[in-house]
């Protein structure tokens, strides 16, 4: 498909943005949350909890 990143949102969490954040500090905080989300989302995909299309 020609579009990038246009599918539905499977999971999301809020990550606080602080006034003194740099791109690096914010990215580090996002990465921590991504590492928590990936296993949970993958497990739900494997178990069929999410509706998928081919």
Foldseek 3Di string as FASTA:
>chain_A
DPDDPPDDDPDDDDFDDDPPDDPVVSVVSVVVVVVVVVVVSVVCVVVVVDDDDD
